[in-house]
Amino acid sequence: MLAPVDVEVNLSVASLIEIAIKNAIGKLEMSEDETNRAIRELRITLLPFEARQAFELFSLPMLHRDPFDRMILATAIAEKLPIVTGDRTFRRYSEVKVIW
């Protein structure tokens, strides 16, 4: 059996907003309660989207038009954190490391 790895898991508030919107329009079945429970159980730290992160959008190349994805990218760049995603478009940004 492998020893547990102590990993810090962060989630941009932009992702939380996207989860709520996709739930509301029926593209994702994840209620507010389920989302809250997952955040607690996985010990996820929510990262705010504030001016410091928003200013990263000025220098971010326009390779992606989705505003939430751009906010997630800007947060990762501002916080110097990698992104875990299956979205291949994220790999086109040299400013951020993509895992997965």
N, C-alpha and C. Protein backbone atom coordinates (compact mmCIF):
# COMPACT_ATOMS: atom_id res chain seq x y z
N MET A 1 0.84 -1.19 0.00
CA MET A 1 0.00 0.00 0.00
C MET A 1 0.88 1.24 0.00
N LEU A 2 0.52 2.21 -0.84
CA LEU A 2 1.28 3.45 -0.91
C LEU A 2 0.93 4.36 0.26
N ALA A 3 1.92 5.08 0.72
CA ALA A 3 1.69 6.06 1.78
C ALA A 3 0.92 7.24 1.19
N PRO A 4 0.00 7.83 1.94
CA PRO A 4 -0.73 8.98 1.42
C PRO A 4 0.23 10.15 1.16
N VAL A 5 -0.07 10.87 0.11
CA VAL A 5 0.75 12.02 -0.25
C VAL A 5 0.02 13.27 0.23
N ASP A 6 0.74 14.13 0.89
CA ASP A 6 0.16 15.37 1.37
C ASP A 6 0.23 16.40 0.24
N VAL A 7 -0.90 16.67 -0.38
CA VAL A 7 -0.96 17.56 -1.52
C VAL A 7 -1.95 18.68 -1.22
N GLU A 8 -1.55 19.87 -1.52
CA GLU A 8 -2.48 21.00 -1.36
C GLU A 8 -3.30 21.11 -2.64
N VAL A 9 -4.61 21.13 -2.49
CA VAL A 9 -5.51 21.24 -3.64
C VAL A 9 -6.19 22.60 -3.57
N ASN A 10 -6.05 23.35 -4.65
CA ASN A 10 -6.64 24.68 -4.74
C ASN A 10 -7.68 24.70 -5.84
N LEU A 11 -8.67 25.55 -5.69
CA LEU A 11 -9.71 25.71 -6.70
C LEU A 11 -10.01 27.19 -6.82
N SER A 12 -9.92 27.69 -8.03
CA SER A 12 -10.26 29.09 -8.26
C SER A 12 -11.75 29.29 -8.05
N VAL A 13 -12.11 30.41 -7.47
CA VAL A 13 -13.51 30.75 -7.31
C VAL A 13 -14.18 30.79 -8.69
N ALA A 14 -13.42 31.08 -9.74
CA ALA A 14 -13.97 31.06 -11.10
C ALA A 14 -14.50 29.66 -11.42
N SER A 15 -13.82 28.62 -10.97
CA SER A 15 -14.28 27.25 -11.18
C SER A 15 -15.57 26.99 -10.42
N LEU A 16 -15.65 27.52 -9.21
CA LEU A 16 -16.86 27.36 -8.40
C LEU A 16 -18.05 28.04 -9.10
N ILE A 17 -17.82 29.22 -9.64
CA ILE A 17 -18.88 29.93 -10.38
C ILE A 17 -19.31 29.10 -11.59
N GLU A 18 -18.34 28.55 -12.30
CA GLU A 18 -18.64 27.74 -13.48
C GLU A 18 -19.43 26.49 -13.10
N ILE A 19 -19.10 25.85 -11.99
CA ILE A 19 -19.84 24.68 -11.52
C ILE A 19 -21.29 25.06 -11.24
N ALA A 20 -21.50 26.18 -10.56
CA ALA A 20 -22.86 26.64 -10.23
C ALA A 20 -23.67 26.93 -11.49
N ILE A 21 -23.06 27.60 -12.46
CA ILE A 21 -23.77 27.93 -13.70
C ILE A 21 -24.09 26.67 -14.49
N LYS A 22 -23.12 25.76 -14.62
CA LYS A 22 -23.37 24.53 -15.37
C LYS A 22 -24.42 23.66 -14.69
N ASN A 23 -24.46 23.67 -13.36
CA ASN A 23 -25.50 22.96 -12.64
C ASN A 23 -26.86 23.59 -12.95
N ALA A 24 -26.94 24.90 -12.95
CA ALA A 24 -28.20 25.61 -13.18
C ALA A 24 -28.75 25.37 -14.59
N ILE A 25 -27.88 25.24 -15.58
CA ILE A 25 -28.36 25.05 -16.95
C ILE A 25 -28.44 23.57 -17.35
N GLY A 26 -28.14 22.68 -16.40
CA GLY A 26 -28.29 21.25 -16.64
C GLY A 26 -27.12 20.56 -17.33
N LYS A 27 -25.98 21.23 -17.42
CA LYS A 27 -24.80 20.61 -18.03
C LYS A 27 -23.95 19.84 -17.03
N LEU A 28 -24.27 19.97 -15.75
CA LEU A 28 -23.52 19.30 -14.70
C LEU A 28 -24.48 19.04 -13.55
N GLU A 29 -24.45 17.83 -13.03
CA GLU A 29 -25.29 17.51 -11.88
C GLU A 29 -24.42 17.51 -10.63
N MET A 30 -24.30 18.68 -10.04
CA MET A 30 -23.52 18.83 -8.81
C MET A 30 -24.15 19.98 -8.03
N SER A 31 -24.92 19.63 -7.04
CA SER A 31 -25.66 20.62 -6.27
C SER A 31 -24.72 21.45 -5.38
N GLU A 32 -25.28 22.48 -4.80
CA GLU A 32 -24.52 23.31 -3.86
C GLU A 32 -24.04 22.47 -2.69
N ASP A 33 -24.92 21.62 -2.16
CA ASP A 33 -24.54 20.77 -1.02
C ASP A 33 -23.42 19.80 -1.41
N GLU A 34 -23.55 19.18 -2.57
CA GLU A 34 -22.50 18.25 -3.03
C GLU A 34 -21.17 18.97 -3.24
N THR A 35 -21.24 20.16 -3.78
CA THR A 35 -20.03 20.95 -4.01
C THR A 35 -19.38 21.33 -2.70
N ASN A 36 -20.19 21.81 -1.74
CA ASN A 36 -19.67 22.14 -0.41
C ASN A 36 -19.03 20.93 0.26
N ARG A 37 -19.70 19.78 0.17
CA ARG A 37 -19.19 18.56 0.79
C ARG A 37 -17.86 18.15 0.14
N ALA A 38 -17.79 18.21 -1.18
CA ALA A 38 -16.55 17.85 -1.87
C ALA A 38 -15.40 18.78 -1.47
N ILE A 39 -15.68 20.06 -1.36
CA ILE A 39 -14.65 21.03 -0.96
C ILE A 39 -14.15 20.71 0.45
N ARG A 40 -15.07 20.40 1.35
CA ARG A 40 -14.68 20.06 2.72
C ARG A 40 -13.91 18.75 2.77
N GLU A 41 -14.47 17.69 2.16
CA GLU A 41 -13.87 16.36 2.24
C GLU A 41 -12.50 16.29 1.56
N LEU A 42 -12.35 17.01 0.47
CA LEU A 42 -11.07 17.00 -0.25
C LEU A 42 -10.11 18.07 0.27
N ARG A 43 -10.57 18.81 1.29
CA ARG A 43 -9.78 19.88 1.90
C ARG A 43 -9.24 20.85 0.84
N ILE A 44 -10.14 21.30 -0.01
CA ILE A 44 -9.79 22.21 -1.10
C ILE A 44 -9.75 23.64 -0.58
N THR A 45 -8.72 24.36 -0.96
CA THR A 45 -8.60 25.78 -0.64
C THR A 45 -9.15 26.57 -1.81
N LEU A 46 -10.14 27.43 -1.55
CA LEU A 46 -10.68 28.27 -2.60
C LEU A 46 -9.80 29.51 -2.77
N LEU A 47 -9.40 29.74 -4.01
CA LEU A 47 -8.57 30.91 -4.32
C LEU A 47 -9.45 32.02 -4.87
N PRO A 48 -9.36 33.21 -4.30
CA PRO A 48 -10.21 34.31 -4.77
C PRO A 48 -9.79 34.79 -6.16
N PHE A 49 -10.71 35.44 -6.82
CA PHE A 49 -10.37 36.12 -8.07
C PHE A 49 -10.52 37.60 -7.79
N GLU A 50 -9.36 38.24 -7.64
CA GLU A 50 -9.32 39.65 -7.26
C GLU A 50 -8.53 40.43 -8.31
N ALA A 51 -8.28 41.68 -8.03
CA ALA A 51 -7.59 42.55 -8.99
C ALA A 51 -6.24 41.98 -9.43
N ARG A 52 -5.49 41.42 -8.49
CA ARG A 52 -4.16 40.89 -8.83
C ARG A 52 -4.27 39.81 -9.91
N GLN A 53 -5.27 38.95 -9.78
CA GLN A 53 -5.46 37.91 -10.77
C GLN A 53 -6.02 38.50 -12.07
N ALA A 54 -6.95 39.43 -11.94
CA ALA A 54 -7.56 40.05 -13.12
C ALA A 54 -6.52 40.77 -13.98
N PHE A 55 -5.55 41.39 -13.35
CA PHE A 55 -4.52 42.10 -14.12
C PHE A 55 -3.69 41.15 -14.98
N GLU A 56 -3.63 39.88 -14.62
CA GLU A 56 -2.93 38.89 -15.45
C GLU A 56 -3.61 38.72 -16.81
N LEU A 57 -4.90 39.02 -16.87
CA LEU A 57 -5.64 38.89 -18.13
C LEU A 57 -5.13 39.83 -19.21
N PHE A 58 -4.54 40.97 -18.82
CA PHE A 58 -4.03 41.92 -19.80
C PHE A 58 -2.90 41.33 -20.64
N SER A 59 -2.07 40.50 -20.04
CA SER A 59 -0.93 39.95 -20.77
C SER A 59 -1.17 38.52 -21.27
N LEU A 60 -2.31 37.96 -20.96
CA LEU A 60 -2.61 36.60 -21.36
C LEU A 60 -2.99 36.57 -22.85
N PRO A 61 -2.29 35.75 -23.65
CA PRO A 61 -2.62 35.69 -25.08
C PRO A 61 -4.06 35.21 -25.28
N MET A 62 -4.67 35.63 -26.37
CA MET A 62 -6.06 35.28 -26.63
C MET A 62 -6.14 33.95 -27.38
N LEU A 63 -5.72 32.88 -26.69
CA LEU A 63 -5.76 31.54 -27.27
C LEU A 63 -7.04 30.82 -26.90
N HIS A 64 -7.75 31.38 -25.97
CA HIS A 64 -8.93 30.76 -25.38
C HIS A 64 -9.95 31.86 -25.18
N ARG A 65 -11.18 31.69 -25.64
CA ARG A 65 -12.17 32.74 -25.51
C ARG A 65 -13.09 32.57 -24.30
N ASP A 66 -13.10 31.38 -23.69
CA ASP A 66 -13.96 31.14 -22.55
C ASP A 66 -13.52 31.99 -21.36
N PRO A 67 -14.37 32.90 -20.88
CA PRO A 67 -13.96 33.81 -19.80
C PRO A 67 -13.59 33.09 -18.50
N PHE A 68 -14.29 32.01 -18.18
CA PHE A 68 -13.96 31.29 -16.95
C PHE A 68 -12.61 30.60 -17.06
N ASP A 69 -12.33 30.01 -18.21
CA ASP A 69 -11.03 29.38 -18.40
C ASP A 69 -9.91 30.42 -18.33
N ARG A 70 -10.16 31.58 -18.87
CA ARG A 70 -9.15 32.65 -18.80
C ARG A 70 -8.93 33.11 -17.36
N MET A 71 -10.01 33.15 -16.57
CA MET A 71 -9.89 33.52 -15.15
C MET A 71 -9.11 32.45 -14.39
N ILE A 72 -9.35 31.19 -14.72
CA ILE A 72 -8.62 30.09 -14.08
C ILE A 72 -7.14 30.18 -14.44
N LEU A 73 -6.85 30.44 -15.70
CA LEU A 73 -5.45 30.61 -16.13
C LEU A 73 -4.79 31.78 -15.40
N ALA A 74 -5.50 32.90 -15.34
CA ALA A 74 -4.95 34.09 -14.69
C ALA A 74 -4.67 33.82 -13.21
N THR A 75 -5.54 33.08 -12.56
CA THR A 75 -5.34 32.74 -11.15
C THR A 75 -4.10 31.86 -10.99
N ALA A 76 -3.98 30.85 -11.85
CA ALA A 76 -2.82 29.96 -11.78
C ALA A 76 -1.52 30.72 -12.00
N ILE A 77 -1.52 31.64 -12.93
CA ILE A 77 -0.32 32.43 -13.21
C ILE A 77 0.01 33.33 -12.02
N ALA A 78 -0.99 34.04 -11.51
CA ALA A 78 -0.77 34.95 -10.38
C ALA A 78 -0.28 34.21 -9.14
N GLU A 79 -0.80 33.00 -8.93
CA GLU A 79 -0.45 32.23 -7.74
C GLU A 79 0.74 31.30 -7.97
N LYS A 80 1.23 31.27 -9.23
CA LYS A 80 2.35 30.39 -9.60
C LYS A 80 2.04 28.92 -9.29
N LEU A 81 0.86 28.49 -9.74
CA LEU A 81 0.38 27.14 -9.51
C LEU A 81 0.12 26.43 -10.83
N PRO A 82 0.31 25.12 -10.87
CA PRO A 82 -0.05 24.38 -12.08
C PRO A 82 -1.57 24.20 -12.15
N ILE A 83 -2.04 23.81 -13.33
CA ILE A 83 -3.47 23.55 -13.54
C ILE A 83 -3.63 22.07 -13.86
N VAL A 84 -4.63 21.45 -13.25
CA VAL A 84 -4.98 20.08 -13.58
C VAL A 84 -6.22 20.15 -14.45
N THR A 85 -6.09 19.74 -15.71
CA THR A 85 -7.21 19.79 -16.65
C THR A 85 -6.98 18.84 -17.80
N GLY A 86 -8.07 18.40 -18.37
CA GLY A 86 -8.00 17.58 -19.58
C GLY A 86 -8.17 18.43 -20.83
N ASP A 87 -8.40 19.73 -20.64
CA ASP A 87 -8.59 20.66 -21.76
C ASP A 87 -7.24 20.96 -22.41
N ARG A 88 -7.05 20.47 -23.61
CA ARG A 88 -5.76 20.61 -24.32
C ARG A 88 -5.41 22.07 -24.65
N THR A 89 -6.40 22.93 -24.73
CA THR A 89 -6.13 24.34 -25.05
C THR A 89 -5.24 24.98 -24.00
N PHE A 90 -5.38 24.56 -22.75
CA PHE A 90 -4.57 25.12 -21.67
C PHE A 90 -3.08 24.90 -21.92
N ARG A 91 -2.74 23.83 -22.61
CA ARG A 91 -1.33 23.51 -22.88
C ARG A 91 -0.67 24.52 -23.82
N ARG A 92 -1.48 25.29 -24.51
CA ARG A 92 -0.94 26.28 -25.46
C ARG A 92 -0.37 27.51 -24.75
N TYR A 93 -0.62 27.64 -23.47
CA TYR A 93 -0.13 28.79 -22.70
C TYR A 93 1.19 28.43 -22.05
N SER A 94 2.25 29.08 -22.47
CA SER A 94 3.56 28.80 -21.91
C SER A 94 3.71 29.35 -20.49
N GLU A 95 2.81 30.22 -20.10
CA GLU A 95 2.88 30.87 -18.80
C GLU A 95 2.49 29.96 -17.63
N VAL A 96 1.90 28.81 -17.92
CA VAL A 96 1.39 27.95 -16.85
C VAL A 96 1.71 26.49 -17.15
N LYS A 97 1.99 25.73 -16.09
CA LYS A 97 2.24 24.30 -16.22
C LYS A 97 0.90 23.57 -16.14
N VAL A 98 0.68 22.65 -17.08
CA VAL A 98 -0.56 21.89 -17.09
C VAL A 98 -0.25 20.44 -16.73
N ILE A 99 -1.01 19.90 -15.79
CA ILE A 99 -0.88 18.52 -15.37
C ILE A 99 -2.11 17.79 -15.84
N TRP A 100 -1.87 16.63 -16.46
CA TRP A 100 -2.89 15.69 -16.88
C TRP A 100 -3.13 15.75 -18.30
